[in-house]
């Protein structure tokens, strides 16, 4: 049985959540390279054969943890202006990767996605969910007259956070709130200029 076919509710849901929490803890401590089915089974208290049967591999564990995360609410900023919302959004992403306690977990997911197509698809789905959750930032801005009609919300969000990912995972350059604020301002300037308006 694959993780995606697990029935919600009852014992199955409790098992899935216990395994997810154990997977996140192991990823945070050891990274994807150190993740094993055995360690997740021990940590979750779920029998190893059950974990193998339902998740199959460490890739299945990581993909299912991403699937669960994508369905959870995200604290999308609502400051009253698109400028404030985008700035808070980029800072939120920055904190997610630089927090000493939890920052290693999203980094481990990206590392896993670079190595395995199953995790890569789960990560794409996760980001698609985040883009949908972030859409109100742009929709409110359009309604207030801050951005042009037809502005693509996902493109605005991608452009705002892309410089952070570039520095974190490509160039290795320092990244801080100044960088995050500049990325937000750049995306906003492009959006105001109509760069993300979907052609009719």
N, C-alpha and C. Protein backbone atom coordinates (compact mmCIF):
# COMPACT_ATOMS: atom_id res chain seq x y z
N UNK A 1 0.85 -1.19 0.00
CA UNK A 1 0.00 0.00 0.00
C UNK A 1 0.88 1.24 0.00
N UNK A 2 0.67 2.17 -0.88
CA UNK A 2 1.46 3.39 -0.92
C UNK A 2 0.91 4.38 0.09
N UNK A 3 1.74 5.38 0.42
CA UNK A 3 1.32 6.37 1.40
C UNK A 3 0.09 7.11 0.94
N UNK A 4 -0.01 7.33 -0.36
CA UNK A 4 -1.13 8.09 -0.88
C UNK A 4 -2.46 7.38 -0.79
N UNK A 5 -2.45 6.06 -0.50
CA UNK A 5 -3.70 5.32 -0.44
C UNK A 5 -4.16 5.08 0.99
N UNK A 6 -3.43 5.61 1.95
CA UNK A 6 -3.83 5.41 3.33
C UNK A 6 -5.16 6.09 3.61
N UNK A 7 -6.06 5.38 4.29
CA UNK A 7 -7.35 5.96 4.61
C UNK A 7 -7.22 6.90 5.79
N UNK A 8 -7.83 8.10 5.71
CA UNK A 8 -7.73 9.05 6.82
C UNK A 8 -8.55 8.61 8.01
N UNK A 9 -8.16 9.10 9.19
CA UNK A 9 -8.96 8.85 10.38
C UNK A 9 -8.49 7.64 11.15
N UNK A 10 -8.79 7.62 12.47
CA UNK A 10 -8.52 6.45 13.28
C UNK A 10 -7.06 6.11 13.42
N UNK A 11 -6.81 4.82 13.59
CA UNK A 11 -5.45 4.35 13.84
C UNK A 11 -4.53 4.65 12.67
N UNK A 12 -5.01 4.53 11.45
CA UNK A 12 -4.16 4.78 10.29
C UNK A 12 -3.63 6.20 10.29
N UNK A 13 -4.50 7.15 10.63
CA UNK A 13 -4.07 8.55 10.68
C UNK A 13 -3.05 8.76 11.78
N UNK A 14 -3.23 8.09 12.92
CA UNK A 14 -2.28 8.24 14.02
C UNK A 14 -0.92 7.65 13.65
N UNK A 15 -0.95 6.51 12.98
CA UNK A 15 0.30 5.90 12.54
C UNK A 15 1.01 6.80 11.54
N UNK A 16 0.25 7.32 10.60
CA UNK A 16 0.85 8.19 9.58
C UNK A 16 1.48 9.43 10.22
N UNK A 17 0.79 10.03 11.18
CA UNK A 17 1.31 11.22 11.84
C UNK A 17 2.54 10.89 12.67
N UNK A 18 2.54 9.75 13.36
CA UNK A 18 3.70 9.35 14.15
C UNK A 18 4.92 9.14 13.26
N UNK A 19 4.69 8.52 12.10
CA UNK A 19 5.79 8.28 11.16
C UNK A 19 6.26 9.59 10.57
N UNK A 20 5.33 10.49 10.26
CA UNK A 20 5.73 11.79 9.73
C UNK A 20 6.59 12.55 10.73
N UNK A 21 6.16 12.59 11.99
CA UNK A 21 6.92 13.32 13.01
C UNK A 21 8.31 12.71 13.18
N UNK A 22 8.38 11.39 13.15
CA UNK A 22 9.68 10.73 13.27
C UNK A 22 10.56 11.04 12.06
N UNK A 23 9.96 11.06 10.88
CA UNK A 23 10.71 11.38 9.67
C UNK A 23 11.29 12.78 9.75
N UNK A 24 10.48 13.74 10.17
CA UNK A 24 10.95 15.12 10.29
C UNK A 24 12.08 15.24 11.31
N UNK A 25 11.93 14.56 12.43
CA UNK A 25 12.96 14.61 13.46
C UNK A 25 14.27 14.02 12.95
N UNK A 26 14.18 12.90 12.25
CA UNK A 26 15.39 12.26 11.71
C UNK A 26 16.03 13.13 10.63
N UNK A 27 15.21 13.74 9.78
CA UNK A 27 15.75 14.63 8.74
C UNK A 27 16.45 15.82 9.38
N UNK A 28 15.84 16.36 10.44
CA UNK A 28 16.43 17.51 11.11
C UNK A 28 17.76 17.19 11.75
N UNK A 29 17.89 16.00 12.29
CA UNK A 29 19.12 15.62 12.99
C UNK A 29 20.20 15.07 12.06
N UNK A 30 19.78 14.33 11.03
CA UNK A 30 20.76 13.57 10.24
C UNK A 30 20.76 13.92 8.76
N UNK A 31 19.79 14.73 8.30
CA UNK A 31 19.70 15.01 6.88
C UNK A 31 19.14 13.83 6.12
N UNK A 32 18.91 14.02 4.82
CA UNK A 32 18.36 12.92 4.02
C UNK A 32 19.34 11.76 3.92
N UNK A 33 20.64 12.09 3.90
CA UNK A 33 21.65 11.05 3.77
C UNK A 33 21.63 10.09 4.95
N UNK A 34 21.23 10.59 6.14
CA UNK A 34 21.21 9.74 7.32
C UNK A 34 19.86 9.14 7.64
N UNK A 35 18.87 9.41 6.80
CA UNK A 35 17.52 8.90 7.05
C UNK A 35 17.45 7.41 6.71
N UNK A 36 16.90 6.61 7.62
CA UNK A 36 16.69 5.19 7.36
C UNK A 36 15.29 4.79 7.81
N UNK A 37 14.76 3.77 7.17
CA UNK A 37 13.46 3.25 7.57
C UNK A 37 13.53 2.74 9.01
N UNK A 38 14.63 2.09 9.35
CA UNK A 38 14.78 1.52 10.69
C UNK A 38 14.74 2.61 11.76
N UNK A 39 15.43 3.72 11.52
CA UNK A 39 15.46 4.78 12.52
C UNK A 39 14.10 5.44 12.68
N UNK A 40 13.37 5.59 11.58
CA UNK A 40 12.02 6.15 11.65
C UNK A 40 11.10 5.20 12.40
N UNK A 41 11.22 3.91 12.13
CA UNK A 41 10.40 2.92 12.83
C UNK A 41 10.66 2.96 14.33
N UNK A 42 11.93 3.00 14.72
CA UNK A 42 12.27 3.06 16.15
C UNK A 42 11.70 4.32 16.78
N UNK A 43 11.88 5.42 16.13
CA UNK A 43 11.48 6.70 16.72
C UNK A 43 9.96 6.83 16.80
N UNK A 44 9.27 6.31 15.82
CA UNK A 44 7.81 6.45 15.78
C UNK A 44 7.09 5.41 16.62
N UNK A 45 7.79 4.31 16.94
CA UNK A 45 7.14 3.21 17.64
C UNK A 45 6.28 2.35 16.74
N UNK A 46 6.44 2.52 15.42
CA UNK A 46 5.71 1.72 14.44
C UNK A 46 6.63 0.61 13.95
N UNK A 47 6.10 -0.60 13.85
CA UNK A 47 6.94 -1.74 13.47
C UNK A 47 7.57 -1.51 12.10
N UNK A 48 8.82 -1.95 11.98
CA UNK A 48 9.59 -1.74 10.75
C UNK A 48 8.87 -2.33 9.53
N UNK A 49 8.27 -3.50 9.68
CA UNK A 49 7.59 -4.11 8.53
C UNK A 49 6.40 -3.27 8.09
N UNK A 50 5.73 -2.62 9.03
CA UNK A 50 4.61 -1.74 8.68
C UNK A 50 5.11 -0.53 7.90
N UNK A 51 6.21 0.04 8.35
CA UNK A 51 6.77 1.21 7.65
C UNK A 51 7.19 0.82 6.23
N UNK A 52 7.87 -0.33 6.09
CA UNK A 52 8.26 -0.77 4.75
C UNK A 52 7.03 -1.03 3.88
N UNK A 53 6.01 -1.65 4.45
CA UNK A 53 4.83 -1.99 3.65
C UNK A 53 4.10 -0.74 3.16
N UNK A 54 4.00 0.24 4.01
CA UNK A 54 3.19 1.43 3.66
C UNK A 54 3.99 2.52 2.95
N UNK A 55 5.26 2.65 3.28
CA UNK A 55 6.04 3.75 2.69
C UNK A 55 7.14 3.25 1.75
N UNK A 56 7.57 2.04 1.91
CA UNK A 56 8.47 1.40 0.96
C UNK A 56 9.94 1.75 1.08
N UNK A 57 10.26 3.01 1.35
CA UNK A 57 11.65 3.45 1.32
C UNK A 57 11.75 4.81 2.01
N UNK A 58 12.98 5.29 2.15
CA UNK A 58 13.17 6.63 2.72
C UNK A 58 12.59 7.69 1.80
N UNK A 59 12.63 7.43 0.48
CA UNK A 59 12.04 8.38 -0.46
C UNK A 59 10.53 8.47 -0.25
N UNK A 60 9.90 7.33 0.00
CA UNK A 60 8.46 7.33 0.27
C UNK A 60 8.13 8.06 1.56
N UNK A 61 8.98 7.92 2.57
CA UNK A 61 8.78 8.62 3.83
C UNK A 61 8.87 10.14 3.63
N UNK A 62 9.89 10.58 2.90
CA UNK A 62 10.07 12.01 2.66
C UNK A 62 8.92 12.57 1.82
N UNK A 63 8.50 11.83 0.80
CA UNK A 63 7.42 12.29 -0.07
C UNK A 63 6.11 12.42 0.70
N UNK A 64 5.84 11.46 1.59
CA UNK A 64 4.59 11.52 2.34
C UNK A 64 4.62 12.65 3.36
N UNK A 65 5.76 12.92 3.96
CA UNK A 65 5.86 14.04 4.88
C UNK A 65 5.60 15.35 4.17
N UNK A 66 6.09 15.48 2.95
CA UNK A 66 5.81 16.67 2.14
C UNK A 66 4.34 16.76 1.78
N UNK A 67 3.74 15.62 1.46
CA UNK A 67 2.32 15.60 1.12
C UNK A 67 1.48 16.11 2.28
N UNK A 68 1.78 15.65 3.48
CA UNK A 68 1.05 16.10 4.66
C UNK A 68 1.28 17.59 4.90
N UNK A 69 2.51 18.04 4.73
CA UNK A 69 2.83 19.46 4.97
C UNK A 69 2.10 20.37 3.99
N UNK A 70 1.97 19.91 2.75
CA UNK A 70 1.30 20.73 1.73
C UNK A 70 -0.16 20.98 2.03
N UNK A 71 -0.77 20.10 2.81
CA UNK A 71 -2.17 20.26 3.14
C UNK A 71 -2.42 21.06 4.41
N UNK A 72 -1.34 21.48 5.08
CA UNK A 72 -1.49 22.23 6.32
C UNK A 72 -1.57 23.72 6.04
N UNK A 73 -2.26 24.47 6.90
CA UNK A 73 -2.34 25.93 6.71
C UNK A 73 -0.98 26.58 6.85
N UNK A 74 -0.81 27.69 6.18
CA UNK A 74 0.44 28.44 6.20
C UNK A 74 0.12 29.86 6.63
N UNK A 75 0.90 30.47 7.49
CA UNK A 75 0.58 31.81 7.98
C UNK A 75 0.86 32.90 6.94
N UNK A 76 0.00 32.99 5.94
CA UNK A 76 0.18 33.96 4.86
C UNK A 76 0.01 35.37 5.43
N UNK A 77 0.95 36.26 5.18
CA UNK A 77 0.87 37.62 5.75
C UNK A 77 -0.35 38.39 5.24
N UNK A 78 -0.85 39.27 6.08
CA UNK A 78 -1.94 40.17 5.71
C UNK A 78 -1.71 41.48 6.45
N UNK A 79 -0.77 42.28 5.94
CA UNK A 79 -0.36 43.52 6.60
C UNK A 79 -1.19 44.72 6.19
N UNK A 80 -1.98 44.56 5.13
CA UNK A 80 -2.77 45.68 4.63
C UNK A 80 -2.23 46.28 3.36
N UNK A 81 -0.99 45.93 3.00
CA UNK A 81 -0.42 46.40 1.73
C UNK A 81 0.33 45.24 1.08
N UNK A 82 0.41 45.27 -0.24
CA UNK A 82 1.15 44.21 -0.93
C UNK A 82 2.64 44.32 -0.62
N UNK A 83 3.13 45.54 -0.43
CA UNK A 83 4.54 45.72 -0.09
C UNK A 83 4.87 45.03 1.22
N UNK A 84 4.03 45.26 2.22
CA UNK A 84 4.25 44.62 3.52
C UNK A 84 4.08 43.12 3.45
N UNK A 85 3.09 42.67 2.70
CA UNK A 85 2.84 41.22 2.59
C UNK A 85 4.02 40.50 1.95
N UNK A 86 4.55 41.04 0.86
CA UNK A 86 5.67 40.38 0.18
C UNK A 86 6.93 40.41 1.04
N UNK A 87 7.13 41.50 1.75
CA UNK A 87 8.30 41.56 2.64
C UNK A 87 8.19 40.52 3.74
N UNK A 88 7.00 40.40 4.34
CA UNK A 88 6.81 39.40 5.39
C UNK A 88 6.93 37.98 4.83
N UNK A 89 6.46 37.78 3.60
CA UNK A 89 6.55 36.46 2.98
C UNK A 89 8.00 36.04 2.78
N UNK A 90 8.81 36.92 2.24
CA UNK A 90 10.22 36.56 2.01
C UNK A 90 10.94 36.34 3.34
N UNK A 91 10.59 37.11 4.36
CA UNK A 91 11.20 36.89 5.67
C UNK A 91 10.76 35.56 6.27
N UNK A 92 9.52 35.18 6.01
CA UNK A 92 9.01 33.89 6.49
C UNK A 92 9.79 32.74 5.87
N UNK A 93 10.03 32.84 4.56
CA UNK A 93 10.82 31.81 3.88
C UNK A 93 12.25 31.79 4.42
N UNK A 94 12.82 32.97 4.59
CA UNK A 94 14.18 33.05 5.14
C UNK A 94 14.27 32.37 6.50
N UNK A 95 13.32 32.66 7.37
CA UNK A 95 13.32 32.06 8.71
C UNK A 95 13.19 30.54 8.63
N UNK A 96 12.37 30.07 7.68
CA UNK A 96 12.18 28.63 7.53
C UNK A 96 13.46 27.88 7.26
N UNK A 97 14.40 28.53 6.56
CA UNK A 97 15.65 27.86 6.22
C UNK A 97 16.80 28.18 7.16
N UNK A 98 16.69 29.24 7.93
CA UNK A 98 17.81 29.64 8.77
C UNK A 98 17.56 29.45 10.25
N UNK A 99 16.36 29.03 10.62
CA UNK A 99 16.07 28.78 12.03
C UNK A 99 16.97 27.65 12.55
N UNK A 100 17.69 27.88 13.65
CA UNK A 100 18.63 26.86 14.14
C UNK A 100 17.95 25.55 14.51
N UNK A 101 16.69 25.60 14.94
CA UNK A 101 16.02 24.39 15.39
C UNK A 101 15.41 23.59 14.25
N UNK A 102 14.90 24.26 13.23
CA UNK A 102 14.13 23.55 12.19
C UNK A 102 14.64 23.76 10.77
N UNK A 103 15.60 24.66 10.58
CA UNK A 103 16.03 25.00 9.23
C UNK A 103 16.62 23.85 8.44
N UNK A 104 17.16 22.87 9.14
CA UNK A 104 17.78 21.74 8.43
C UNK A 104 16.73 20.84 7.77
N UNK A 105 15.48 20.91 8.20
CA UNK A 105 14.45 20.01 7.64
C UNK A 105 14.10 20.39 6.20
N UNK A 106 13.72 21.64 5.89
CA UNK A 106 13.46 21.97 4.49
C UNK A 106 14.68 21.80 3.60
N UNK A 107 15.86 22.05 4.16
CA UNK A 107 17.08 21.83 3.39
C UNK A 107 17.22 20.35 3.02
N UNK A 108 16.88 19.47 3.95
CA UNK A 108 16.95 18.03 3.69
C UNK A 108 15.96 17.62 2.60
N UNK A 109 14.77 18.22 2.61
CA UNK A 109 13.79 17.90 1.57
C UNK A 109 14.31 18.28 0.19
N UNK A 110 14.93 19.43 0.08
CA UNK A 110 15.45 19.86 -1.22
C UNK A 110 16.59 18.95 -1.65
N UNK A 111 17.44 18.56 -0.72
CA UNK A 111 18.50 17.61 -1.03
C UNK A 111 17.93 16.30 -1.55
N UNK A 112 16.87 15.83 -0.90
CA UNK A 112 16.23 14.58 -1.32
C UNK A 112 15.61 14.72 -2.70
N UNK A 113 15.00 15.86 -2.97
CA UNK A 113 14.34 16.07 -4.26
C UNK A 113 15.34 16.09 -5.41
N UNK A 114 16.56 16.51 -5.15
CA UNK A 114 17.59 16.55 -6.17
C UNK A 114 18.07 15.15 -6.54
N UNK A 115 17.76 14.18 -5.68
CA UNK A 115 18.27 12.82 -5.89
C UNK A 115 17.20 11.83 -6.33
N UNK A 116 15.94 12.14 -6.05
CA UNK A 116 14.90 11.15 -6.27
C UNK A 116 13.68 11.77 -6.94
N UNK A 117 13.18 11.19 -8.04
CA UNK A 117 12.04 11.78 -8.74
C UNK A 117 10.74 11.75 -7.95
N UNK A 118 10.57 10.76 -7.06
CA UNK A 118 9.35 10.69 -6.25
C UNK A 118 9.29 11.88 -5.29
N UNK A 119 10.41 12.14 -4.63
CA UNK A 119 10.47 13.28 -3.71
C UNK A 119 10.40 14.59 -4.49
N UNK A 120 11.01 14.62 -5.68
CA UNK A 120 10.96 15.83 -6.50
C UNK A 120 9.52 16.19 -6.86
N UNK A 121 8.72 15.19 -7.22
CA UNK A 121 7.31 15.46 -7.53
C UNK A 121 6.56 15.94 -6.28
N UNK A 122 6.83 15.30 -5.14
CA UNK A 122 6.18 15.71 -3.90
C UNK A 122 6.55 17.15 -3.55
N UNK A 123 7.80 17.53 -3.81
CA UNK A 123 8.23 18.90 -3.53
C UNK A 123 7.55 19.89 -4.47
N UNK A 124 7.41 19.52 -5.75
CA UNK A 124 6.69 20.39 -6.68
C UNK A 124 5.25 20.58 -6.23
N UNK A 125 4.62 19.51 -5.81
CA UNK A 125 3.23 19.60 -5.32
C UNK A 125 3.15 20.46 -4.06
N UNK A 126 4.14 20.34 -3.20
CA UNK A 126 4.19 21.14 -1.98
C UNK A 126 4.26 22.63 -2.32
N UNK A 127 5.16 22.98 -3.25
CA UNK A 127 5.29 24.38 -3.62
C UNK A 127 4.03 24.89 -4.33
N UNK A 128 3.41 24.04 -5.13
CA UNK A 128 2.16 24.43 -5.78
C UNK A 128 1.09 24.76 -4.74
N UNK A 129 1.05 23.97 -3.68
CA UNK A 129 0.11 24.25 -2.59
C UNK A 129 0.44 25.56 -1.91
N UNK A 130 1.71 25.83 -1.68
CA UNK A 130 2.12 27.09 -1.07
C UNK A 130 1.75 28.28 -1.96
N UNK A 131 1.91 28.11 -3.27
CA UNK A 131 1.54 29.19 -4.18
C UNK A 131 0.04 29.47 -4.12
N UNK A 132 -0.75 28.41 -4.04
CA UNK A 132 -2.21 28.61 -3.92
C UNK A 132 -2.55 29.31 -2.61
N UNK A 133 -1.87 28.92 -1.53
CA UNK A 133 -2.14 29.54 -0.23
C UNK A 133 -1.71 31.00 -0.20
N UNK A 134 -0.68 31.34 -0.99
CA UNK A 134 -0.17 32.71 -1.02
C UNK A 134 -0.94 33.61 -1.97
N UNK A 135 -1.77 33.03 -2.80
CA UNK A 135 -2.48 33.81 -3.83
C UNK A 135 -3.25 35.01 -3.27
N UNK A 136 -3.86 34.91 -2.07
CA UNK A 136 -4.59 36.09 -1.56
C UNK A 136 -3.74 37.35 -1.45
N UNK A 137 -2.43 37.23 -1.28
CA UNK A 137 -1.57 38.42 -1.23
C UNK A 137 -1.75 39.24 -2.50
N UNK A 138 -1.73 38.57 -3.63
CA UNK A 138 -1.87 39.25 -4.92
C UNK A 138 -3.32 39.61 -5.19
N UNK A 139 -4.23 38.71 -4.86
CA UNK A 139 -5.65 38.98 -5.11
C UNK A 139 -6.12 40.21 -4.34
N UNK A 140 -5.69 40.34 -3.09
CA UNK A 140 -6.05 41.53 -2.31
C UNK A 140 -5.42 42.78 -2.91
N UNK A 141 -4.19 42.65 -3.38
CA UNK A 141 -3.50 43.80 -3.96
C UNK A 141 -4.21 44.28 -5.23
N UNK A 142 -4.66 43.35 -6.05
CA UNK A 142 -5.41 43.71 -7.26
C UNK A 142 -6.71 44.41 -6.88
N UNK A 143 -7.39 43.87 -5.89
CA UNK A 143 -8.66 44.45 -5.45
C UNK A 143 -8.47 45.86 -4.90
N UNK A 144 -7.32 46.12 -4.27
CA UNK A 144 -7.04 47.46 -3.72
C UNK A 144 -6.49 48.41 -4.77
N UNK A 145 -6.23 47.90 -5.96
CA UNK A 145 -5.67 48.75 -7.01
C UNK A 145 -4.17 48.90 -6.94
N UNK A 146 -3.50 48.06 -6.16
CA UNK A 146 -2.05 48.14 -6.03
C UNK A 146 -1.32 47.44 -7.17
N UNK A 147 -1.97 46.44 -7.78
CA UNK A 147 -1.38 45.69 -8.88
C UNK A 147 -2.38 45.61 -10.03
N UNK A 148 -1.89 45.42 -11.26
CA UNK A 148 -2.79 45.36 -12.41
C UNK A 148 -3.68 44.12 -12.38
N UNK A 149 -4.86 44.26 -12.97
CA UNK A 149 -5.73 43.10 -13.17
C UNK A 149 -5.00 42.04 -13.97
N UNK A 150 -5.26 40.78 -13.63
CA UNK A 150 -4.65 39.67 -14.36
C UNK A 150 -3.26 39.30 -13.91
N UNK A 151 -2.77 39.90 -12.82
CA UNK A 151 -1.44 39.56 -12.31
C UNK A 151 -1.43 38.13 -11.80
N UNK A 152 -0.46 37.36 -12.26
CA UNK A 152 -0.35 35.95 -11.87
C UNK A 152 0.27 35.86 -10.47
N UNK A 153 -0.53 35.38 -9.52
CA UNK A 153 -0.08 35.35 -8.13
C UNK A 153 1.13 34.45 -7.93
N UNK A 154 1.11 33.27 -8.54
CA UNK A 154 2.21 32.34 -8.34
C UNK A 154 3.52 32.91 -8.88
N UNK A 155 3.47 33.62 -10.01
CA UNK A 155 4.69 34.20 -10.56
C UNK A 155 5.26 35.29 -9.67
N UNK A 156 4.38 36.06 -9.05
CA UNK A 156 4.86 37.09 -8.12
C UNK A 156 5.57 36.43 -6.94
N UNK A 157 4.97 35.40 -6.39
CA UNK A 157 5.57 34.72 -5.24
C UNK A 157 6.89 34.05 -5.62
N UNK A 158 6.91 33.38 -6.76
CA UNK A 158 8.16 32.73 -7.22
C UNK A 158 9.28 33.75 -7.34
N UNK A 159 8.97 34.89 -7.93
CA UNK A 159 9.99 35.91 -8.16
C UNK A 159 10.47 36.50 -6.85
N UNK A 160 9.58 36.63 -5.88
CA UNK A 160 9.96 37.18 -4.58
C UNK A 160 10.92 36.27 -3.83
N UNK A 161 10.68 34.96 -3.87
CA UNK A 161 11.48 34.05 -3.06
C UNK A 161 12.67 33.46 -3.81
N UNK A 162 12.68 33.55 -5.14
CA UNK A 162 13.75 32.92 -5.93
C UNK A 162 15.16 33.37 -5.53
N UNK A 163 15.40 34.67 -5.28
CA UNK A 163 16.77 35.06 -4.89
C UNK A 163 17.24 34.41 -3.59
N UNK A 164 16.30 34.11 -2.70
CA UNK A 164 16.69 33.45 -1.46
C UNK A 164 17.17 32.03 -1.73
N UNK A 165 16.41 31.30 -2.56
CA UNK A 165 16.80 29.94 -2.90
C UNK A 165 18.12 29.92 -3.66
N UNK A 166 18.32 30.89 -4.52
CA UNK A 166 19.57 30.95 -5.28
C UNK A 166 20.77 31.08 -4.34
N UNK A 167 20.66 31.98 -3.38
CA UNK A 167 21.77 32.17 -2.44
C UNK A 167 21.94 30.96 -1.52
N UNK A 168 20.82 30.39 -1.08
CA UNK A 168 20.89 29.27 -0.14
C UNK A 168 21.45 28.01 -0.77
N UNK A 169 21.06 27.74 -2.03
CA UNK A 169 21.36 26.42 -2.60
C UNK A 169 22.24 26.43 -3.85
N UNK A 170 22.49 27.61 -4.42
CA UNK A 170 23.33 27.66 -5.62
C UNK A 170 24.65 28.38 -5.35
N UNK A 171 24.57 29.66 -5.00
CA UNK A 171 25.78 30.45 -4.88
C UNK A 171 26.43 30.36 -3.50
N UNK A 172 25.64 30.02 -2.48
CA UNK A 172 26.18 29.97 -1.12
C UNK A 172 26.49 31.34 -0.53
N UNK A 173 25.97 32.39 -1.16
CA UNK A 173 26.18 33.74 -0.64
C UNK A 173 25.36 33.96 0.64
N UNK A 174 25.79 34.92 1.45
CA UNK A 174 25.02 35.20 2.67
C UNK A 174 23.59 35.63 2.35
N UNK A 175 22.69 35.29 3.22
CA UNK A 175 21.29 35.67 3.05
C UNK A 175 20.75 36.13 4.40
N UNK A 176 20.11 37.30 4.39
CA UNK A 176 19.58 37.86 5.63
C UNK A 176 18.33 38.67 5.29
N UNK A 177 17.83 39.40 6.28
CA UNK A 177 16.59 40.15 6.05
C UNK A 177 16.75 41.24 5.00
N UNK A 178 17.94 41.81 4.90
CA UNK A 178 18.17 42.81 3.86
C UNK A 178 18.00 42.21 2.48
N UNK A 179 18.55 41.03 2.29
CA UNK A 179 18.40 40.32 1.01
C UNK A 179 16.93 39.97 0.78
N UNK A 180 16.26 39.50 1.82
CA UNK A 180 14.85 39.14 1.69
C UNK A 180 14.00 40.34 1.33
N UNK A 181 14.26 41.47 1.97
CA UNK A 181 13.48 42.68 1.69
C UNK A 181 13.74 43.18 0.26
N UNK A 182 14.98 43.08 -0.19
CA UNK A 182 15.30 43.50 -1.56
C UNK A 182 14.61 42.61 -2.58
N UNK A 183 14.56 41.32 -2.30
CA UNK A 183 13.89 40.39 -3.21
C UNK A 183 12.40 40.72 -3.30
N UNK A 184 11.79 41.03 -2.16
CA UNK A 184 10.37 41.39 -2.16
C UNK A 184 10.14 42.67 -2.95
N UNK A 185 11.02 43.65 -2.77
CA UNK A 185 10.87 44.93 -3.47
C UNK A 185 11.04 44.76 -4.97
N UNK A 186 11.95 43.89 -5.38
CA UNK A 186 12.16 43.65 -6.81
C UNK A 186 10.94 43.00 -7.44
N UNK A 187 10.38 42.00 -6.76
CA UNK A 187 9.18 41.35 -7.27
C UNK A 187 8.01 42.33 -7.35
N UNK A 188 7.90 43.19 -6.35
CA UNK A 188 6.81 44.17 -6.34
C UNK A 188 6.95 45.16 -7.49
N UNK A 189 8.16 45.64 -7.73
CA UNK A 189 8.38 46.58 -8.84
C UNK A 189 8.00 45.95 -10.18
N UNK A 190 8.38 44.69 -10.37
CA UNK A 190 8.05 44.00 -11.60
C UNK A 190 6.54 43.80 -11.73
N UNK A 191 5.91 43.45 -10.60
CA UNK A 191 4.44 43.23 -10.63
C UNK A 191 3.71 44.52 -10.93
N UNK A 192 4.14 45.63 -10.33
CA UNK A 192 3.50 46.92 -10.59
C UNK A 192 3.65 47.33 -12.05
N UNK A 193 4.77 46.93 -12.65
CA UNK A 193 5.01 47.27 -14.07
C UNK A 193 4.25 46.37 -15.03
N UNK A 194 3.52 45.39 -14.49
CA UNK A 194 2.73 44.50 -15.34
C UNK A 194 3.48 43.30 -15.87
N UNK A 195 4.66 43.00 -15.30
CA UNK A 195 5.47 41.90 -15.82
C UNK A 195 4.81 40.54 -15.64
N UNK A 196 3.87 40.44 -14.69
CA UNK A 196 3.26 39.15 -14.42
C UNK A 196 1.79 39.08 -14.83
N UNK A 197 1.38 40.00 -15.66
CA UNK A 197 0.00 39.97 -16.14
C UNK A 197 -0.13 38.87 -17.18
N UNK A 198 -1.09 37.97 -16.97
CA UNK A 198 -1.31 36.87 -17.90
C UNK A 198 -1.99 37.41 -19.16
N UNK A 199 -1.43 37.13 -20.35
CA UNK A 199 -2.06 37.63 -21.58
C UNK A 199 -3.48 37.11 -21.74
N UNK A 200 -4.35 37.95 -22.23
CA UNK A 200 -5.76 37.55 -22.41
C UNK A 200 -5.88 36.53 -23.53
